[in-house]
Amino acid sequence: MENGRACHRADRDVEASLLPLDAHVAAATGAPTSLSWTGAVTAFDGLSGLGVVEAASGERFAFHCTSLVDGSRHIDAGRTVSFRLRPGHLGRFEAVNLGTVDEVAGEVSAAKFGRRE
């Protein structure tokens, strides 16, 4: 900072990235770009609401019970789930929008045909 103002160097061109969030996630994790991931819940603590999901690629991501799609705030370890990633605390990615593969498929088919189940 110079004179209490942010310093910008004219000799350096700085541009904001225009990639969508999923592309940033893919670049940071080295995984292929996709909107949803699949994996299995490896651990879940009902008291704290914290859990861990392991993606099919072997990467592990933390999640909180408020990220469950069905609103139940509990999920059993070993369940196969579909999820998305978002930037979390300390520069780590966390899993959000977790739903069992059957629940997610049911929502898609209901939305496709314009009805609720």
PDB file of N, CA and C in Angstrom:
ATOM      1  N   MET A   1       0.828  -1.183   0.000  1.00  0.00           N
ATOM      2  CA  MET A   1       0.000   0.000   0.000  1.00  0.00           C
ATOM      3  C   MET A   1       0.867   1.239   0.000  1.00  0.00           C
ATOM      4  N   GLU A   2       0.476   2.160  -0.799  1.00  0.00           N
ATOM      5  CA  GLU A   2       1.170   3.436  -0.841  1.00  0.00           C
ATOM      6  C   GLU A   2       0.194   4.534  -0.450  1.00  0.00           C
ATOM      7  N   ASN A   3       0.586   5.358   0.487  1.00  0.00           N
ATOM      8  CA  ASN A   3      -0.241   6.490   0.920  1.00  0.00           C
ATOM      9  C   ASN A   3      -1.652   6.070   1.330  1.00  0.00           C
ATOM     10  N   GLY A   4      -1.786   4.893   1.950  1.00  0.00           N
ATOM     11  CA  GLY A   4      -3.082   4.444   2.428  1.00  0.00           C
ATOM     12  C   GLY A   4      -4.007   3.923   1.348  1.00  0.00           C
ATOM     13  N   ARG A   5      -3.524   3.768   0.118  1.00  0.00           N
ATOM     14  CA  ARG A   5      -4.351   3.260  -0.970  1.00  0.00           C
ATOM     15  C   ARG A   5      -3.780   1.934  -1.450  1.00  0.00           C
ATOM     16  N   ALA A   6      -4.639   1.170  -2.053  1.00  0.00           N
ATOM     17  CA  ALA A   6      -4.164  -0.084  -2.631  1.00  0.00           C
ATOM     18  C   ALA A   6      -3.243   0.223  -3.799  1.00  0.00           C
ATOM     19  N   CYS A   7      -2.166  -0.484  -3.883  1.00  0.00           N
ATOM     20  CA  CYS A   7      -1.178  -0.256  -4.926  1.00  0.00           C
ATOM     21  C   CYS A   7      -1.471  -1.171  -6.118  1.00  0.00           C
ATOM     22  N   HIS A   8      -1.542  -0.612  -7.297  1.00  0.00           N
ATOM     23  CA  HIS A   8      -1.724  -1.405  -8.506  1.00  0.00           C
ATOM     24  C   HIS A   8      -0.554  -1.116  -9.432  1.00  0.00           C
ATOM     25  N   ARG A   9       0.102  -2.151  -9.848  1.00  0.00           N
ATOM     26  CA  ARG A   9       1.251  -1.979 -10.735  1.00  0.00           C
ATOM     27  C   ARG A   9       0.785  -1.977 -12.174  1.00  0.00           C
ATOM     28  N   ALA A  10       1.090  -0.925 -12.886  1.00  0.00           N
ATOM     29  CA  ALA A  10       0.656  -0.775 -14.278  1.00  0.00           C
ATOM     30  C   ALA A  10       1.379  -1.734 -15.212  1.00  0.00           C
ATOM     31  N   ASP A  11       2.560  -2.209 -14.816  1.00  0.00           N
ATOM     32  CA  ASP A  11       3.313  -3.096 -15.703  1.00  0.00           C
ATOM     33  C   ASP A  11       2.833  -4.546 -15.630  1.00  0.00           C
ATOM     34  N   ARG A  12       1.878  -4.824 -14.760  1.00  0.00           N
ATOM     35  CA  ARG A  12       1.383  -6.193 -14.598  1.00  0.00           C
ATOM     36  C   ARG A  12      -0.113  -6.206 -14.883  1.00  0.00           C
ATOM     37  N   ASP A  13      -0.530  -7.064 -15.787  1.00  0.00           N
ATOM     38  CA  ASP A  13      -1.932  -7.152 -16.152  1.00  0.00           C
ATOM     39  C   ASP A  13      -2.571  -8.272 -15.335  1.00  0.00           C
ATOM     40  N   VAL A  14      -3.510  -7.929 -14.469  1.00  0.00           N
ATOM     41  CA  VAL A  14      -4.179  -8.899 -13.616  1.00  0.00           C
ATOM     42  C   VAL A  14      -5.619  -9.011 -14.067  1.00  0.00           C
ATOM     43  N   GLU A  15      -6.039 -10.240 -14.388  1.00  0.00           N
ATOM     44  CA  GLU A  15      -7.410 -10.453 -14.820  1.00  0.00           C
ATOM     45  C   GLU A  15      -8.079 -11.462 -13.915  1.00  0.00           C
ATOM     46  N   ALA A  16      -9.348 -11.271 -13.667  1.00  0.00           N
ATOM     47  CA  ALA A  16     -10.128 -12.236 -12.903  1.00  0.00           C
ATOM     48  C   ALA A  16     -10.458 -13.415 -13.815  1.00  0.00           C
ATOM     49  N   SER A  17     -10.474 -14.596 -13.236  1.00  0.00           N
ATOM     50  CA  SER A  17     -10.791 -15.776 -14.011  1.00  0.00           C
ATOM     51  C   SER A  17     -12.295 -15.834 -14.287  1.00  0.00           C
ATOM     52  N   LEU A  18     -12.666 -16.219 -15.488  1.00  0.00           N
ATOM     53  CA  LEU A  18     -14.062 -16.307 -15.860  1.00  0.00           C
ATOM     54  C   LEU A  18     -14.555 -17.748 -15.913  1.00  0.00           C
ATOM     55  N   LEU A  19     -13.791 -18.684 -15.358  1.00  0.00           N
ATOM     56  CA  LEU A  19     -14.197 -20.074 -15.353  1.00  0.00           C
ATOM     57  C   LEU A  19     -15.324 -20.288 -14.349  1.00  0.00           C
ATOM     58  N   PRO A  20     -16.266 -21.187 -14.632  1.00  0.00           N
ATOM     59  CA  PRO A  20     -17.288 -21.496 -13.640  1.00  0.00           C
ATOM     60  C   PRO A  20     -16.663 -22.218 -12.442  1.00  0.00           C
ATOM     61  N   LEU A  21     -17.389 -22.217 -11.319  1.00  0.00           N
ATOM     62  CA  LEU A  21     -16.869 -22.800 -10.085  1.00  0.00           C
ATOM     63  C   LEU A  21     -16.453 -24.252 -10.269  1.00  0.00           C
ATOM     64  N   ASP A  22     -17.236 -25.047 -11.009  1.00  0.00           N
ATOM     65  CA  ASP A  22     -16.901 -26.453 -11.203  1.00  0.00           C
ATOM     66  C   ASP A  22     -15.566 -26.624 -11.916  1.00  0.00           C
ATOM     67  N   ALA A  23     -15.232 -25.718 -12.822  1.00  0.00           N
ATOM     68  CA  ALA A  23     -13.944 -25.789 -13.505  1.00  0.00           C
ATOM     69  C   ALA A  23     -12.815 -25.471 -12.542  1.00  0.00           C
ATOM     70  N   HIS A  24     -13.041 -24.521 -11.614  1.00  0.00           N
ATOM     71  CA  HIS A  24     -12.030 -24.222 -10.596  1.00  0.00           C
ATOM     72  C   HIS A  24     -11.813 -25.428  -9.683  1.00  0.00           C
ATOM     73  N   VAL A  25     -12.894 -26.076  -9.286  1.00  0.00           N
ATOM     74  CA  VAL A  25     -12.793 -27.270  -8.442  1.00  0.00           C
ATOM     75  C   VAL A  25     -12.010 -28.348  -9.164  1.00  0.00           C
ATOM     76  N   ALA A  26     -12.316 -28.558 -10.430  1.00  0.00           N
ATOM     77  CA  ALA A  26     -11.623 -29.579 -11.204  1.00  0.00           C
ATOM     78  C   ALA A  26     -10.139 -29.262 -11.337  1.00  0.00           C
ATOM     79  N   ALA A  27      -9.816 -28.003 -11.555  1.00  0.00           N
ATOM     80  CA  ALA A  27      -8.413 -27.624 -11.696  1.00  0.00           C
ATOM     81  C   ALA A  27      -7.662 -27.797 -10.382  1.00  0.00           C
ATOM     82  N   ALA A  28      -8.303 -27.479  -9.274  1.00  0.00           N
ATOM     83  CA  ALA A  28      -7.639 -27.570  -7.970  1.00  0.00           C
ATOM     84  C   ALA A  28      -7.472 -29.011  -7.511  1.00  0.00           C
ATOM     85  N   THR A  29      -8.443 -29.861  -7.798  1.00  0.00           N
ATOM     86  CA  THR A  29      -8.375 -31.245  -7.325  1.00  0.00           C
ATOM     87  C   THR A  29      -7.786 -32.189  -8.349  1.00  0.00           C
ATOM     88  N   GLY A  30      -7.668 -31.745  -9.599  1.00  0.00           N
ATOM     89  CA  GLY A  30      -7.147 -32.618 -10.642  1.00  0.00           C
ATOM     90  C   GLY A  30      -8.181 -33.609 -11.138  1.00  0.00           C
ATOM     91  N   ALA A  31      -9.432 -33.446 -10.728  1.00  0.00           N
ATOM     92  CA  ALA A  31     -10.502 -34.353 -11.126  1.00  0.00           C
ATOM     93  C   ALA A  31     -11.187 -33.811 -12.373  1.00  0.00           C
ATOM     94  N   PRO A  32     -11.892 -34.659 -13.093  1.00  0.00           N
ATOM     95  CA  PRO A  32     -12.586 -34.184 -14.280  1.00  0.00           C
ATOM     96  C   PRO A  32     -13.713 -33.226 -13.903  1.00  0.00           C
ATOM     97  N   THR A  33     -13.993 -32.289 -14.798  1.00  0.00           N
ATOM     98  CA  THR A  33     -15.067 -31.333 -14.551  1.00  0.00           C
ATOM     99  C   THR A  33     -16.407 -32.039 -14.654  1.00  0.00           C
ATOM    100  N   SER A  34     -17.213 -31.926 -13.614  1.00  0.00           N
ATOM    101  CA  SER A  34     -18.575 -32.441 -13.649  1.00  0.00           C
ATOM    102  C   SER A  34     -19.389 -31.707 -12.614  1.00  0.00           C
ATOM    103  N   LEU A  35     -20.661 -31.618 -12.856  1.00  0.00           N
ATOM    104  CA  LEU A  35     -21.518 -30.912 -11.917  1.00  0.00           C
ATOM    105  C   LEU A  35     -21.764 -31.723 -10.659  1.00  0.00           C
ATOM    106  N   SER A  36     -21.904 -33.016 -10.779  1.00  0.00           N
ATOM    107  CA  SER A  36     -22.137 -33.824  -9.599  1.00  0.00           C
ATOM    108  C   SER A  36     -21.129 -34.955  -9.519  1.00  0.00           C
ATOM    109  N   TRP A  37     -20.805 -35.298  -8.300  1.00  0.00           N
ATOM    110  CA  TRP A  37     -19.873 -36.374  -8.009  1.00  0.00           C
ATOM    111  C   TRP A  37     -20.654 -37.497  -7.347  1.00  0.00           C
ATOM    112  N   THR A  38     -20.108 -38.689  -7.418  1.00  0.00           N
ATOM    113  CA  THR A  38     -20.691 -39.806  -6.683  1.00  0.00           C
ATOM    114  C   THR A  38     -19.633 -40.390  -5.775  1.00  0.00           C
ATOM    115  N   GLY A  39     -20.083 -40.967  -4.696  1.00  0.00           N
ATOM    116  CA  GLY A  39     -19.174 -41.576  -3.735  1.00  0.00           C
ATOM    117  C   GLY A  39     -19.954 -42.232  -2.630  1.00  0.00           C
ATOM    118  N   ALA A  40     -19.257 -42.564  -1.556  1.00  0.00           N
ATOM    119  CA  ALA A  40     -19.880 -43.231  -0.414  1.00  0.00           C
ATOM    120  C   ALA A  40     -19.534 -42.499   0.868  1.00  0.00           C
ATOM    121  N   VAL A  41     -20.493 -42.440   1.770  1.00  0.00           N
ATOM    122  CA  VAL A  41     -20.263 -41.837   3.083  1.00  0.00           C
ATOM    123  C   VAL A  41     -19.392 -42.805   3.876  1.00  0.00           C
ATOM    124  N   THR A  42     -18.221 -42.348   4.300  1.00  0.00           N
ATOM    125  CA  THR A  42     -17.319 -43.221   5.051  1.00  0.00           C
ATOM    126  C   THR A  42     -17.464 -43.046   6.545  1.00  0.00           C
ATOM    127  N   ALA A  43     -17.901 -41.864   6.988  1.00  0.00           N
ATOM    128  CA  ALA A  43     -18.083 -41.624   8.425  1.00  0.00           C
ATOM    129  C   ALA A  43     -19.111 -40.525   8.619  1.00  0.00           C
ATOM    130  N   PHE A  44     -19.883 -40.648   9.719  1.00  0.00           N
ATOM    131  CA  PHE A  44     -20.828 -39.602  10.076  1.00  0.00           C
ATOM    132  C   PHE A  44     -21.017 -39.601  11.584  1.00  0.00           C
ATOM    133  N   ASP A  45     -20.865 -38.449  12.212  1.00  0.00           N
ATOM    134  CA  ASP A  45     -21.065 -38.279  13.651  1.00  0.00           C
ATOM    135  C   ASP A  45     -22.360 -37.513  13.860  1.00  0.00           C
ATOM    136  N   GLY A  46     -23.365 -38.186  14.398  1.00  0.00           N
ATOM    137  CA  GLY A  46     -24.673 -37.575  14.577  1.00  0.00           C
ATOM    138  C   GLY A  46     -24.681 -36.442  15.586  1.00  0.00           C
ATOM    139  N   LEU A  47     -23.793 -36.469  16.580  1.00  0.00           N
ATOM    140  CA  LEU A  47     -23.773 -35.409  17.592  1.00  0.00           C
ATOM    141  C   LEU A  47     -23.265 -34.091  17.040  1.00  0.00           C
ATOM    142  N   SER A  48     -22.182 -34.142  16.280  1.00  0.00           N
ATOM    143  CA  SER A  48     -21.626 -32.912  15.718  1.00  0.00           C
ATOM    144  C   SER A  48     -22.228 -32.588  14.356  1.00  0.00           C
ATOM    145  N   GLY A  49     -22.808 -33.579  13.687  1.00  0.00           N
ATOM    146  CA  GLY A  49     -23.376 -33.366  12.360  1.00  0.00           C
ATOM    147  C   GLY A  49     -22.341 -33.371  11.253  1.00  0.00           C
ATOM    148  N   LEU A  50     -21.115 -33.769  11.570  1.00  0.00           N
ATOM    149  CA  LEU A  50     -20.041 -33.771  10.584  1.00  0.00           C
ATOM    150  C   LEU A  50     -19.834 -35.166  10.017  1.00  0.00           C
ATOM    151  N   GLY A  51     -19.493 -35.212   8.749  1.00  0.00           N
ATOM    152  CA  GLY A  51     -19.245 -36.488   8.107  1.00  0.00           C
ATOM    153  C   GLY A  51     -18.192 -36.348   7.022  1.00  0.00           C
ATOM    154  N   VAL A  52     -17.834 -37.500   6.459  1.00  0.00           N
ATOM    155  CA  VAL A  52     -16.847 -37.554   5.393  1.00  0.00           C
ATOM    156  C   VAL A  52     -17.410 -38.428   4.282  1.00  0.00           C
ATOM    157  N   VAL A  53     -17.288 -37.935   3.055  1.00  0.00           N
ATOM    158  CA  VAL A  53     -17.695 -38.703   1.889  1.00  0.00           C
ATOM    159  C   VAL A  53     -16.461 -38.942   1.032  1.00  0.00           C
ATOM    160  N   GLU A  54     -16.325 -40.167   0.544  1.00  0.00           N
ATOM    161  CA  GLU A  54     -15.198 -40.507  -0.321  1.00  0.00           C
ATOM    162  C   GLU A  54     -15.705 -40.638  -1.744  1.00  0.00           C
ATOM    163  N   ALA A  55     -15.144 -39.839  -2.636  1.00  0.00           N
ATOM    164  CA  ALA A  55     -15.543 -39.853  -4.043  1.00  0.00           C
ATOM    165  C   ALA A  55     -15.069 -41.140  -4.702  1.00  0.00           C
ATOM    166  N   ALA A  56     -15.642 -41.440  -5.843  1.00  0.00           N
ATOM    167  CA  ALA A  56     -15.255 -42.634  -6.585  1.00  0.00           C
ATOM    168  C   ALA A  56     -13.782 -42.583  -6.976  1.00  0.00           C
ATOM    169  N   SER A  57     -13.219 -41.376  -7.083  1.00  0.00           N
ATOM    170  CA  SER A  57     -11.809 -41.219  -7.440  1.00  0.00           C
ATOM    171  C   SER A  57     -10.878 -41.417  -6.249  1.00  0.00           C
ATOM    172  N   GLY A  58     -11.431 -41.581  -5.033  1.00  0.00           N
ATOM    173  CA  GLY A  58     -10.623 -41.814  -3.844  1.00  0.00           C
ATOM    174  C   GLY A  58     -10.400 -40.583  -2.990  1.00  0.00           C
ATOM    175  N   GLU A  59     -10.812 -39.417  -3.451  1.00  0.00           N
ATOM    176  CA  GLU A  59     -10.644 -38.194  -2.668  1.00  0.00           C
ATOM    177  C   GLU A  59     -11.720 -38.125  -1.588  1.00  0.00           C
ATOM    178  N   ARG A  60     -11.356 -37.536  -0.442  1.00  0.00           N
ATOM    179  CA  ARG A  60     -12.296 -37.421   0.672  1.00  0.00           C
ATOM    180  C   ARG A  60     -12.658 -35.962   0.889  1.00  0.00           C
ATOM    181  N   PHE A  61     -13.945 -35.726   1.145  1.00  0.00           N
ATOM    182  CA  PHE A  61     -14.449 -34.381   1.380  1.00  0.00           C
ATOM    183  C   PHE A  61     -15.341 -34.393   2.616  1.00  0.00           C
ATOM    184  N   ALA A  62     -15.207 -33.360   3.430  1.00  0.00           N
ATOM    185  CA  ALA A  62     -16.040 -33.223   4.620  1.00  0.00           C
ATOM    186  C   ALA A  62     -17.396 -32.650   4.223  1.00  0.00           C
ATOM    187  N   PHE A  63     -18.407 -32.915   5.053  1.00  0.00           N
ATOM    188  CA  PHE A  63     -19.723 -32.316   4.858  1.00  0.00           C
ATOM    189  C   PHE A  63     -20.395 -32.139   6.209  1.00  0.00           C
ATOM    190  N   HIS A  64     -21.422 -31.299   6.240  1.00  0.00           N
ATOM    191  CA  HIS A  64     -22.212 -31.078   7.444  1.00  0.00           C
ATOM    192  C   HIS A  64     -23.628 -31.576   7.182  1.00  0.00           C
ATOM    193  N   CYS A  65     -24.315 -31.972   8.226  1.00  0.00           N
ATOM    194  CA  CYS A  65     -25.650 -32.562   8.067  1.00  0.00           C
ATOM    195  C   CYS A  65     -26.644 -31.616   7.403  1.00  0.00           C
ATOM    196  N   THR A  66     -26.409 -30.317   7.457  1.00  0.00           N
ATOM    197  CA  THR A  66     -27.314 -29.375   6.796  1.00  0.00           C
ATOM    198  C   THR A  66     -27.177 -29.426   5.281  1.00  0.00           C
ATOM    199  N   SER A  67     -26.180 -30.155   4.776  1.00  0.00           N
ATOM    200  CA  SER A  67     -25.987 -30.295   3.333  1.00  0.00           C
ATOM    201  C   SER A  67     -26.755 -31.473   2.751  1.00  0.00           C
ATOM    202  N   LEU A  68     -27.498 -32.202   3.582  1.00  0.00           N
ATOM    203  CA  LEU A  68     -28.276 -33.333   3.092  1.00  0.00           C
ATOM    204  C   LEU A  68     -29.526 -32.827   2.382  1.00  0.00           C
ATOM    205  N   VAL A  69     -29.797 -33.367   1.222  1.00  0.00           N
ATOM    206  CA  VAL A  69     -30.906 -32.910   0.393  1.00  0.00           C
ATOM    207  C   VAL A  69     -32.251 -33.209   1.038  1.00  0.00           C
ATOM    208  N   ASP A  70     -32.390 -34.349   1.671  1.00  0.00           N
ATOM    209  CA  ASP A  70     -33.699 -34.745   2.209  1.00  0.00           C
ATOM    210  C   ASP A  70     -34.069 -34.036   3.506  1.00  0.00           C
ATOM    211  N   GLY A  71     -33.136 -33.281   4.098  1.00  0.00           N
ATOM    212  CA  GLY A  71     -33.426 -32.527   5.312  1.00  0.00           C
ATOM    213  C   GLY A  71     -33.453 -33.353   6.583  1.00  0.00           C
ATOM    214  N   SER A  72     -33.055 -34.611   6.534  1.00  0.00           N
ATOM    215  CA  SER A  72     -33.148 -35.490   7.700  1.00  0.00           C
ATOM    216  C   SER A  72     -32.068 -35.234   8.744  1.00  0.00           C
ATOM    217  N   ARG A  73     -30.953 -34.651   8.346  1.00  0.00           N
ATOM    218  CA  ARG A  73     -29.810 -34.381   9.222  1.00  0.00           C
ATOM    219  C   ARG A  73     -29.160 -35.645   9.776  1.00  0.00           C
ATOM    220  N   HIS A  74     -29.388 -36.769   9.122  1.00  0.00           N
ATOM    221  CA  HIS A  74     -28.698 -38.017   9.485  1.00  0.00           C
ATOM    222  C   HIS A  74     -28.566 -38.883   8.238  1.00  0.00           C
ATOM    223  N   ILE A  75     -27.397 -39.513   8.120  1.00  0.00           N
ATOM    224  CA  ILE A  75     -27.161 -40.440   7.020  1.00  0.00           C
ATOM    225  C   ILE A  75     -26.266 -41.548   7.530  1.00  0.00           C
ATOM    226  N   ASP A  76     -26.523 -42.747   7.094  1.00  0.00           N
ATOM    227  CA  ASP A  76     -25.739 -43.898   7.537  1.00  0.00           C
ATOM    228  C   ASP A  76     -24.443 -44.001   6.745  1.00  0.00           C
ATOM    229  N   ALA A  77     -23.389 -44.440   7.427  1.00  0.00           N
ATOM    230  CA  ALA A  77     -22.112 -44.689   6.752  1.00  0.00           C
ATOM    231  C   ALA A  77     -22.305 -45.838   5.770  1.00  0.00           C
ATOM    232  N   GLY A  78     -21.645 -45.734   4.628  1.00  0.00           N
ATOM    233  CA  GLY A  78     -21.746 -46.758   3.601  1.00  0.00           C
ATOM    234  C   GLY A  78     -22.761 -46.438   2.521  1.00  0.00           C
ATOM    235  N   ARG A  79     -23.585 -45.401   2.694  1.00  0.00           N
ATOM    236  CA  ARG A  79     -24.579 -45.040   1.690  1.00  0.00           C
ATOM    237  C   ARG A  79     -23.896 -44.436   0.469  1.00  0.00           C
ATOM    238  N   THR A  80     -24.349 -44.808  -0.703  1.00  0.00           N
ATOM    239  CA  THR A  80     -23.852 -44.223  -1.943  1.00  0.00           C
ATOM    240  C   THR A  80     -24.613 -42.932  -2.185  1.00  0.00           C
ATOM    241  N   VAL A  81     -23.860 -41.854  -2.402  1.00  0.00           N
ATOM    242  CA  VAL A  81     -24.476 -40.537  -2.542  1.00  0.00           C
ATOM    243  C   VAL A  81     -23.964 -39.815  -3.780  1.00  0.00           C
ATOM    244  N   SER A  82     -24.734 -38.840  -4.192  1.00  0.00           N
ATOM    245  CA  SER A  82     -24.332 -37.903  -5.226  1.00  0.00           C
ATOM    246  C   SER A  82     -24.176 -36.561  -4.533  1.00  0.00           C
ATOM    247  N   PHE A  83     -23.177 -35.768  -4.929  1.00  0.00           N
ATOM    248  CA  PHE A  83     -22.932 -34.499  -4.256  1.00  0.00           C
ATOM    249  C   PHE A  83     -22.231 -33.533  -5.184  1.00  0.00           C
ATOM    250  N   ARG A  84     -22.174 -32.281  -4.744  1.00  0.00           N
ATOM    251  CA  ARG A  84     -21.417 -31.237  -5.432  1.00  0.00           C
ATOM    252  C   ARG A  84     -20.360 -30.720  -4.487  1.00  0.00           C
ATOM    253  N   LEU A  85     -19.409 -29.962  -5.015  1.00  0.00           N
ATOM    254  CA  LEU A  85     -18.343 -29.384  -4.188  1.00  0.00           C
ATOM    255  C   LEU A  85     -18.447 -27.869  -4.183  1.00  0.00           C
ATOM    256  N   ARG A  86     -18.007 -27.279  -3.069  1.00  0.00           N
ATOM    257  CA  ARG A  86     -17.882 -25.830  -2.973  1.00  0.00           C
ATOM    258  C   ARG A  86     -16.681 -25.530  -2.105  1.00  0.00           C
ATOM    259  N   PRO A  87     -16.087 -24.364  -2.274  1.00  0.00           N
ATOM    260  CA  PRO A  87     -14.955 -23.989  -1.420  1.00  0.00           C
ATOM    261  C   PRO A  87     -15.417 -23.866   0.025  1.00  0.00           C
ATOM    262  N   GLY A  88     -14.635 -24.440   0.925  1.00  0.00           N
ATOM    263  CA  GLY A  88     -14.963 -24.398   2.338  1.00  0.00           C
ATOM    264  C   GLY A  88     -13.914 -23.651   3.128  1.00  0.00           C
ATOM    265  N   HIS A  89     -13.817 -23.977   4.401  1.00  0.00           N
ATOM    266  CA  HIS A  89     -12.872 -23.319   5.289  1.00  0.00           C
ATOM    267  C   HIS A  89     -11.444 -23.770   5.025  1.00  0.00           C
ATOM    268  N   LEU A  90     -10.511 -22.884   5.279  1.00  0.00           N
ATOM    269  CA  LEU A  90      -9.079 -23.152   5.170  1.00  0.00           C
ATOM    270  C   LEU A  90      -8.657 -23.615   3.778  1.00  0.00           C
ATOM    271  N   GLY A  91      -9.383 -23.190   2.757  1.00  0.00           N
ATOM    272  CA  GLY A  91      -9.012 -23.516   1.384  1.00  0.00           C
ATOM    273  C   GLY A  91      -9.342 -24.928   0.960  1.00  0.00           C
ATOM    274  N   ARG A  92     -10.105 -25.632   1.744  1.00  0.00           N
ATOM    275  CA  ARG A  92     -10.495 -27.006   1.395  1.00  0.00           C
ATOM    276  C   ARG A  92     -11.876 -26.986   0.741  1.00  0.00           C
ATOM    277  N   PHE A  93     -12.146 -28.014  -0.041  1.00  0.00           N
ATOM    278  CA  PHE A  93     -13.466 -28.142  -0.640  1.00  0.00           C
ATOM    279  C   PHE A  93     -14.333 -29.008   0.252  1.00  0.00           C
ATOM    280  N   GLU A  94     -15.629 -28.709   0.292  1.00  0.00           N
ATOM    281  CA  GLU A  94     -16.554 -29.511   1.083  1.00  0.00           C
ATOM    282  C   GLU A  94     -17.704 -29.969   0.196  1.00  0.00           C
ATOM    283  N   ALA A  95     -18.278 -31.094   0.572  1.00  0.00           N
ATOM    284  CA  ALA A  95     -19.387 -31.666  -0.184  1.00  0.00           C
ATOM    285  C   ALA A  95     -20.690 -31.003   0.249  1.00  0.00           C
ATOM    286  N   VAL A  96     -21.522 -30.670  -0.711  1.00  0.00           N
ATOM    287  CA  VAL A  96     -22.839 -30.087  -0.444  1.00  0.00           C
ATOM    288  C   VAL A  96     -23.872 -30.773  -1.323  1.00  0.00           C
ATOM    289  N   ASN A  97     -25.136 -30.577  -1.014  1.00  0.00           N
ATOM    290  CA  ASN A  97     -26.249 -31.166  -1.771  1.00  0.00           C
ATOM    291  C   ASN A  97     -26.134 -32.685  -1.841  1.00  0.00           C
ATOM    292  N   LEU A  98     -25.850 -33.293  -0.699  1.00  0.00           N
ATOM    293  CA  LEU A  98     -25.731 -34.747  -0.662  1.00  0.00           C
ATOM    294  C   LEU A  98     -27.103 -35.396  -0.700  1.00  0.00           C
ATOM    295  N   GLY A  99     -27.255 -36.353  -1.561  1.00  0.00           N
ATOM    296  CA  GLY A  99     -28.475 -37.134  -1.647  1.00  0.00           C
ATOM    297  C   GLY A  99     -28.130 -38.531  -2.100  1.00  0.00           C
ATOM    298  N   THR A 100     -28.893 -39.503  -1.618  1.00  0.00           N
ATOM    299  CA  THR A 100     -28.629 -40.858  -2.085  1.00  0.00           C
ATOM    300  C   THR A 100     -28.896 -40.899  -3.579  1.00  0.00           C
ATOM    301  N   VAL A 101     -28.246 -41.784  -4.255  1.00  0.00           N
ATOM    302  CA  VAL A 101     -28.351 -41.850  -5.715  1.00  0.00           C
ATOM    303  C   VAL A 101     -29.800 -42.071  -6.120  1.00  0.00           C
ATOM    304  N   ASP A 102     -30.566 -42.861  -5.362  1.00  0.00           N
ATOM    305  CA  ASP A 102     -31.976 -43.104  -5.677  1.00  0.00           C
ATOM    306  C   ASP A 102     -32.802 -41.832  -5.521  1.00  0.00           C
ATOM    307  N   GLU A 103     -32.542 -41.041  -4.459  1.00  0.00           N
ATOM    308  CA  GLU A 103     -33.293 -39.801  -4.244  1.00  0.00           C
ATOM    309  C   GLU A 103     -33.039 -38.812  -5.366  1.00  0.00           C
ATOM    310  N   VAL A 104     -31.787 -38.670  -5.765  1.00  0.00           N
ATOM    311  CA  VAL A 104     -31.433 -37.725  -6.818  1.00  0.00           C
ATOM    312  C   VAL A 104     -32.070 -38.148  -8.134  1.00  0.00           C
ATOM    313  N   ALA A 105     -32.064 -39.435  -8.461  1.00  0.00           N
ATOM    314  CA  ALA A 105     -32.673 -39.925  -9.695  1.00  0.00           C
ATOM    315  C   ALA A 105     -34.176 -39.693  -9.674  1.00  0.00           C
ATOM    316  N   GLY A 106     -34.826 -39.860  -8.503  1.00  0.00           N
ATOM    317  CA  GLY A 106     -36.255 -39.618  -8.383  1.00  0.00           C
ATOM    318  C   GLY A 106     -36.609 -38.165  -8.610  1.00  0.00           C
ATOM    319  N   GLU A 107     -35.794 -37.243  -8.096  1.00  0.00           N
ATOM    320  CA  GLU A 107     -36.046 -35.817  -8.292  1.00  0.00           C
ATOM    321  C   GLU A 107     -35.904 -35.443  -9.760  1.00  0.00           C
ATOM    322  N   VAL A 108     -34.920 -36.010 -10.439  1.00  0.00           N
ATOM    323  CA  VAL A 108     -34.702 -35.699 -11.848  1.00  0.00           C
ATOM    324  C   VAL A 108     -35.862 -36.214 -12.684  1.00  0.00           C
ATOM    325  N   SER A 109     -36.305 -37.445 -12.442  1.00  0.00           N
ATOM    326  CA  SER A 109     -37.396 -37.982 -13.246  1.00  0.00           C
ATOM    327  C   SER A 109     -38.695 -37.240 -12.981  1.00  0.00           C
ATOM    328  N   ALA A 110     -38.950 -36.824 -11.740  1.00  0.00           N
ATOM    329  CA  ALA A 110     -40.164 -36.073 -11.428  1.00  0.00           C
ATOM    330  C   ALA A 110     -40.131 -34.701 -12.088  1.00  0.00           C
ATOM    331  N   ALA A 111     -38.981 -34.050 -12.060  1.00  0.00           N
ATOM    332  CA  ALA A 111     -38.856 -32.740 -12.682  1.00  0.00           C
ATOM    333  C   ALA A 111     -38.958 -32.833 -14.202  1.00  0.00           C
ATOM    334  N   LYS A 112     -38.451 -33.915 -14.757  1.00  0.00           N
ATOM    335  CA  LYS A 112     -38.475 -34.095 -16.199  1.00  0.00           C
ATOM    336  C   LYS A 112     -39.895 -34.205 -16.722  1.00  0.00           C
ATOM    337  N   PHE A 113     -40.755 -34.859 -15.963  1.00  0.00           N
ATOM    338  CA  PHE A 113     -42.138 -35.062 -16.402  1.00  0.00           C
ATOM    339  C   PHE A 113     -43.117 -34.085 -15.767  1.00  0.00           C
ATOM    340  N   GLY A 114     -42.602 -33.104 -15.015  1.00  0.00           N
ATOM    341  CA  GLY A 114     -43.438 -32.047 -14.469  1.00  0.00           C
ATOM    342  C   GLY A 114     -44.347 -32.448 -13.333  1.00  0.00           C
ATOM    343  N   ARG A 115     -43.972 -33.451 -12.556  1.00  0.00           N
ATOM    344  CA  ARG A 115     -44.813 -33.848 -11.434  1.00  0.00           C
ATOM    345  C   ARG A 115     -43.959 -34.072 -10.200  1.00  0.00           C
ATOM    346  N   ARG A 116     -44.599 -34.054  -9.074  1.00  0.00           N
ATOM    347  CA  ARG A 116     -43.894 -34.300  -7.803  1.00  0.00           C
ATOM    348  C   ARG A 116     -44.231 -35.685  -7.316  1.00  0.00           C
ATOM    349  N   GLU A 117     -43.266 -36.304  -6.631  1.00  0.00           N
ATOM    350  CA  GLU A 117     -43.506 -37.643  -6.078  1.00  0.00           C
ATOM    351  C   GLU A 117     -43.563 -37.571  -4.593  1.00  0.00           C
TER     352      GLU A 117
END
